[in-house]
Amino acid sequence: MFGDLAGMMGKLKETQQKVEETKIRLNTVLVDEQSNEGLLKVTLTANRTIKSITIDDTLLEDKEQLEDYLILTLNKAIEKATQVNETELAAVAKDGMPNIPGMDMFK
């Protein structure tokens, strides 16, 4: 009924290892975002770790404006990084799922 249970378990273990390897690789995938005027630039990894922030000197004159730029730009960058992260991990997970009848939710 369940076919080769040991084979399926091996496939799941292999998939888990590939997911972990993908998570490590995503530390090297960089996502860049900038404000509309280019006055603020941020770089994150696909695992959502901030790598750099570049602030134009004109933003240093207005604390409130700088805070607004940081919030907007960081949120956009985090959203992009999350999309990359989820897409990559979903592809690895889907690829490694054993063919179990009735469990075709990833198709």
N, C-alpha and C. Protein backbone atom coordinates (compact mmCIF):
# COMPACT_ATOMS: atom_id res chain seq x y z
N MET A 1 0.82 -1.20 0.00
CA MET A 1 0.00 0.00 0.00
C MET A 1 0.87 1.27 0.00
N PHE A 2 1.91 1.27 0.82
CA PHE A 2 2.76 2.45 0.91
C PHE A 2 4.03 2.33 0.09
N GLY A 3 4.18 1.25 -0.62
CA GLY A 3 5.36 1.09 -1.45
C GLY A 3 6.60 0.91 -0.59
N ASP A 4 7.66 1.48 -1.03
CA ASP A 4 8.96 1.36 -0.35
C ASP A 4 9.07 2.43 0.73
N LEU A 5 8.62 2.11 1.95
CA LEU A 5 8.64 3.07 3.04
C LEU A 5 10.06 3.53 3.36
N ALA A 6 11.00 2.60 3.35
CA ALA A 6 12.40 2.96 3.63
C ALA A 6 12.92 3.91 2.56
N GLY A 7 12.54 3.66 1.31
CA GLY A 7 12.96 4.54 0.22
C GLY A 7 12.39 5.93 0.37
N MET A 8 11.12 6.00 0.79
CA MET A 8 10.48 7.31 0.99
C MET A 8 11.16 8.06 2.14
N MET A 9 11.49 7.35 3.20
CA MET A 9 12.15 7.99 4.34
C MET A 9 13.53 8.50 3.94
N GLY A 10 14.23 7.72 3.12
CA GLY A 10 15.53 8.15 2.62
C GLY A 10 15.41 9.40 1.77
N LYS A 11 14.37 9.42 0.93
CA LYS A 11 14.14 10.59 0.07
C LYS A 11 13.83 11.83 0.91
N LEU A 12 13.03 11.65 1.97
CA LEU A 12 12.71 12.77 2.85
C LEU A 12 13.96 13.29 3.56
N LYS A 13 14.82 12.38 4.00
CA LYS A 13 16.06 12.78 4.67
C LYS A 13 16.96 13.55 3.69
N GLU A 14 17.03 13.05 2.46
CA GLU A 14 17.82 13.72 1.43
C GLU A 14 17.27 15.12 1.15
N THR A 15 15.95 15.23 1.10
CA THR A 15 15.32 16.53 0.87
C THR A 15 15.62 17.48 2.02
N GLN A 16 15.56 16.98 3.24
CA GLN A 16 15.85 17.81 4.40
C GLN A 16 17.28 18.35 4.32
N GLN A 17 18.22 17.52 3.89
CA GLN A 17 19.60 17.96 3.74
C GLN A 17 19.71 19.03 2.65
N LYS A 18 19.00 18.84 1.55
CA LYS A 18 19.02 19.83 0.46
C LYS A 18 18.42 21.16 0.92
N VAL A 19 17.38 21.10 1.74
CA VAL A 19 16.77 22.33 2.29
C VAL A 19 17.80 23.06 3.15
N GLU A 20 18.51 22.33 4.00
CA GLU A 20 19.53 22.96 4.85
C GLU A 20 20.65 23.57 4.01
N GLU A 21 21.08 22.87 2.95
CA GLU A 21 22.11 23.39 2.06
C GLU A 21 21.61 24.66 1.35
N THR A 22 20.34 24.67 0.98
CA THR A 22 19.76 25.84 0.32
C THR A 22 19.73 27.02 1.28
N LYS A 23 19.38 26.78 2.52
CA LYS A 23 19.37 27.86 3.52
C LYS A 23 20.75 28.48 3.67
N ILE A 24 21.78 27.64 3.66
CA ILE A 24 23.16 28.15 3.76
C ILE A 24 23.50 28.95 2.51
N ARG A 25 23.12 28.43 1.34
CA ARG A 25 23.41 29.14 0.09
C ARG A 25 22.70 30.49 0.03
N LEU A 26 21.51 30.57 0.60
CA LEU A 26 20.76 31.83 0.57
C LEU A 26 21.45 32.93 1.38
N ASN A 27 22.42 32.58 2.21
CA ASN A 27 23.21 33.60 2.90
C ASN A 27 24.11 34.36 1.93
N THR A 28 24.33 33.79 0.75
CA THR A 28 25.20 34.45 -0.24
C THR A 28 24.40 35.13 -1.35
N VAL A 29 23.09 34.94 -1.36
CA VAL A 29 22.24 35.59 -2.36
C VAL A 29 21.86 36.97 -1.83
N LEU A 30 22.26 38.02 -2.55
CA LEU A 30 22.02 39.39 -2.09
C LEU A 30 20.83 40.01 -2.80
N VAL A 31 20.06 40.76 -2.02
CA VAL A 31 18.89 41.48 -2.52
C VAL A 31 19.13 42.97 -2.25
N ASP A 32 19.07 43.77 -3.31
CA ASP A 32 19.27 45.22 -3.18
C ASP A 32 17.94 45.94 -3.31
N GLU A 33 17.80 47.00 -2.55
CA GLU A 33 16.61 47.85 -2.64
C GLU A 33 17.06 49.28 -2.37
N GLN A 34 16.35 50.22 -2.98
CA GLN A 34 16.65 51.63 -2.73
C GLN A 34 15.37 52.43 -2.71
N SER A 35 15.46 53.60 -2.08
CA SER A 35 14.30 54.49 -2.05
C SER A 35 14.06 55.03 -3.46
N ASN A 36 12.89 55.63 -3.67
CA ASN A 36 12.54 56.11 -5.01
C ASN A 36 13.57 57.07 -5.57
N GLU A 37 14.10 57.93 -4.73
CA GLU A 37 15.08 58.92 -5.20
C GLU A 37 16.51 58.40 -5.13
N GLY A 38 16.69 57.20 -4.63
CA GLY A 38 18.03 56.64 -4.51
C GLY A 38 18.84 57.20 -3.36
N LEU A 39 18.18 57.88 -2.43
CA LEU A 39 18.89 58.49 -1.31
C LEU A 39 19.25 57.48 -0.22
N LEU A 40 18.56 56.35 -0.22
CA LEU A 40 18.83 55.31 0.76
C LEU A 40 18.89 53.97 0.02
N LYS A 41 19.95 53.21 0.28
CA LYS A 41 20.11 51.90 -0.36
C LYS A 41 20.41 50.87 0.72
N VAL A 42 19.78 49.71 0.59
CA VAL A 42 20.03 48.62 1.53
C VAL A 42 20.29 47.32 0.76
N THR A 43 21.10 46.48 1.35
CA THR A 43 21.39 45.16 0.81
C THR A 43 21.16 44.15 1.91
N LEU A 44 20.39 43.11 1.59
CA LEU A 44 20.10 42.02 2.51
C LEU A 44 20.47 40.71 1.85
N THR A 45 20.65 39.67 2.66
CA THR A 45 20.76 38.33 2.10
C THR A 45 19.34 37.82 1.91
N ALA A 46 19.20 36.74 1.15
CA ALA A 46 17.87 36.14 0.96
C ALA A 46 17.36 35.52 2.26
N ASN A 47 18.23 35.40 3.26
CA ASN A 47 17.80 34.97 4.59
C ASN A 47 17.46 36.16 5.48
N ARG A 48 17.35 37.32 4.87
CA ARG A 48 16.90 38.54 5.53
C ARG A 48 17.86 39.07 6.60
N THR A 49 19.14 38.98 6.32
CA THR A 49 20.17 39.58 7.17
C THR A 49 20.68 40.83 6.46
N ILE A 50 20.64 41.97 7.15
CA ILE A 50 21.09 43.22 6.55
C ILE A 50 22.61 43.18 6.40
N LYS A 51 23.08 43.46 5.19
CA LYS A 51 24.51 43.47 4.90
C LYS A 51 25.06 44.89 4.81
N SER A 52 24.25 45.81 4.28
CA SER A 52 24.72 47.20 4.19
C SER A 52 23.55 48.17 4.06
N ILE A 53 23.81 49.37 4.54
CA ILE A 53 22.87 50.49 4.39
C ILE A 53 23.70 51.69 3.98
N THR A 54 23.29 52.34 2.89
CA THR A 54 23.96 53.55 2.42
C THR A 54 22.96 54.70 2.48
N ILE A 55 23.35 55.77 3.18
CA ILE A 55 22.45 56.91 3.39
C ILE A 55 23.07 58.16 2.78
N ASP A 56 22.33 58.82 1.89
CA ASP A 56 22.78 60.07 1.31
C ASP A 56 22.84 61.13 2.42
N ASP A 57 23.84 62.00 2.37
CA ASP A 57 24.04 63.02 3.40
C ASP A 57 22.82 63.92 3.60
N THR A 58 22.04 64.15 2.54
CA THR A 58 20.88 65.04 2.68
C THR A 58 19.84 64.48 3.65
N LEU A 59 19.78 63.17 3.78
CA LEU A 59 18.83 62.56 4.71
C LEU A 59 19.25 62.74 6.16
N LEU A 60 20.51 63.02 6.39
CA LEU A 60 21.00 63.18 7.76
C LEU A 60 20.52 64.48 8.40
N GLU A 61 19.98 65.37 7.58
CA GLU A 61 19.50 66.65 8.09
C GLU A 61 18.09 66.57 8.65
N ASP A 62 17.36 65.51 8.35
CA ASP A 62 15.96 65.38 8.78
C ASP A 62 15.74 63.98 9.35
N LYS A 63 15.79 63.88 10.68
CA LYS A 63 15.67 62.58 11.36
C LYS A 63 14.37 61.86 11.01
N GLU A 64 13.27 62.57 10.99
CA GLU A 64 11.97 61.96 10.71
C GLU A 64 11.92 61.41 9.28
N GLN A 65 12.42 62.17 8.34
CA GLN A 65 12.44 61.71 6.95
C GLN A 65 13.35 60.48 6.81
N LEU A 66 14.50 60.49 7.47
CA LEU A 66 15.40 59.34 7.43
C LEU A 66 14.72 58.11 7.99
N GLU A 67 14.02 58.25 9.11
CA GLU A 67 13.31 57.13 9.71
C GLU A 67 12.26 56.57 8.75
N ASP A 68 11.51 57.47 8.10
CA ASP A 68 10.50 57.04 7.13
C ASP A 68 11.15 56.28 5.97
N TYR A 69 12.24 56.81 5.43
CA TYR A 69 12.95 56.15 4.34
C TYR A 69 13.44 54.77 4.76
N LEU A 70 13.99 54.68 5.97
CA LEU A 70 14.48 53.40 6.46
C LEU A 70 13.35 52.37 6.55
N ILE A 71 12.24 52.78 7.13
CA ILE A 71 11.11 51.86 7.28
C ILE A 71 10.62 51.37 5.93
N LEU A 72 10.37 52.29 5.01
CA LEU A 72 9.84 51.91 3.70
C LEU A 72 10.81 51.04 2.91
N THR A 73 12.05 51.46 2.87
CA THR A 73 13.04 50.76 2.06
C THR A 73 13.38 49.39 2.65
N LEU A 74 13.53 49.33 3.96
CA LEU A 74 13.82 48.04 4.59
C LEU A 74 12.65 47.07 4.42
N ASN A 75 11.43 47.55 4.56
CA ASN A 75 10.28 46.68 4.37
C ASN A 75 10.21 46.13 2.95
N LYS A 76 10.50 46.97 1.95
CA LYS A 76 10.51 46.50 0.57
C LYS A 76 11.61 45.46 0.36
N ALA A 77 12.77 45.70 0.94
CA ALA A 77 13.88 44.76 0.79
C ALA A 77 13.57 43.43 1.48
N ILE A 78 12.97 43.50 2.66
CA ILE A 78 12.61 42.28 3.38
C ILE A 78 11.58 41.48 2.59
N GLU A 79 10.63 42.18 1.99
CA GLU A 79 9.61 41.51 1.18
C GLU A 79 10.25 40.78 -0.01
N LYS A 80 11.16 41.46 -0.70
CA LYS A 80 11.87 40.83 -1.83
C LYS A 80 12.67 39.62 -1.38
N ALA A 81 13.41 39.78 -0.28
CA ALA A 81 14.24 38.69 0.23
C ALA A 81 13.38 37.50 0.64
N THR A 82 12.23 37.77 1.24
CA THR A 82 11.32 36.71 1.65
C THR A 82 10.80 35.95 0.44
N GLN A 83 10.47 36.66 -0.63
CA GLN A 83 9.99 36.01 -1.85
C GLN A 83 11.06 35.08 -2.43
N VAL A 84 12.30 35.56 -2.48
CA VAL A 84 13.40 34.73 -3.00
C VAL A 84 13.57 33.51 -2.10
N ASN A 85 13.59 33.72 -0.80
CA ASN A 85 13.77 32.65 0.17
C ASN A 85 12.69 31.58 0.02
N GLU A 86 11.44 32.00 0.03
CA GLU A 86 10.33 31.05 -0.04
C GLU A 86 10.29 30.30 -1.37
N THR A 87 10.59 31.00 -2.45
CA THR A 87 10.60 30.36 -3.77
C THR A 87 11.68 29.28 -3.85
N GLU A 88 12.87 29.61 -3.37
CA GLU A 88 13.99 28.66 -3.41
C GLU A 88 13.70 27.44 -2.54
N LEU A 89 13.24 27.67 -1.32
CA LEU A 89 12.99 26.55 -0.40
C LEU A 89 11.82 25.70 -0.87
N ALA A 90 10.79 26.32 -1.43
CA ALA A 90 9.64 25.56 -1.94
C ALA A 90 10.06 24.68 -3.10
N ALA A 91 10.93 25.19 -3.97
CA ALA A 91 11.39 24.40 -5.12
C ALA A 91 12.16 23.17 -4.65
N VAL A 92 13.01 23.34 -3.65
CA VAL A 92 13.78 22.20 -3.14
C VAL A 92 12.85 21.20 -2.47
N ALA A 93 11.92 21.68 -1.68
CA ALA A 93 11.00 20.79 -0.97
C ALA A 93 10.12 20.02 -1.95
N LYS A 94 9.60 20.72 -2.95
CA LYS A 94 8.72 20.06 -3.93
C LYS A 94 9.49 19.00 -4.72
N ASP A 95 10.70 19.34 -5.09
CA ASP A 95 11.54 18.43 -5.86
C ASP A 95 11.82 17.13 -5.10
N GLY A 96 11.93 17.23 -3.79
CA GLY A 96 12.30 16.06 -3.01
C GLY A 96 11.17 15.29 -2.39
N MET A 97 9.94 15.70 -2.64
CA MET A 97 8.81 14.99 -2.04
C MET A 97 8.63 13.63 -2.72
N PRO A 98 8.49 12.58 -1.91
CA PRO A 98 8.23 11.27 -2.51
C PRO A 98 6.83 11.24 -3.11
N ASN A 99 6.63 10.38 -4.07
CA ASN A 99 5.33 10.26 -4.74
C ASN A 99 4.41 9.39 -3.89
N ILE A 100 3.62 10.04 -3.04
CA ILE A 100 2.69 9.33 -2.18
C ILE A 100 1.28 9.57 -2.73
N PRO A 101 0.57 8.51 -3.07
CA PRO A 101 -0.78 8.68 -3.63
C PRO A 101 -1.66 9.51 -2.70
N GLY A 102 -2.39 10.45 -3.30
CA GLY A 102 -3.29 11.30 -2.53
C GLY A 102 -2.60 12.50 -1.90
N MET A 103 -1.27 12.60 -2.02
CA MET A 103 -0.53 13.71 -1.42
C MET A 103 0.06 14.60 -2.51
N ASP A 104 -0.78 15.00 -3.45
CA ASP A 104 -0.31 15.79 -4.57
C ASP A 104 -0.58 17.28 -4.37
N MET A 105 -0.47 17.74 -3.12
CA MET A 105 -0.77 19.14 -2.81
C MET A 105 0.26 20.11 -3.36
N PHE A 106 1.43 19.64 -3.79
CA PHE A 106 2.47 20.52 -4.28
C PHE A 106 2.42 20.68 -5.79
N LYS A 107 1.46 20.08 -6.44
CA LYS A 107 1.42 20.15 -7.91
C LYS A 107 0.65 21.35 -8.35
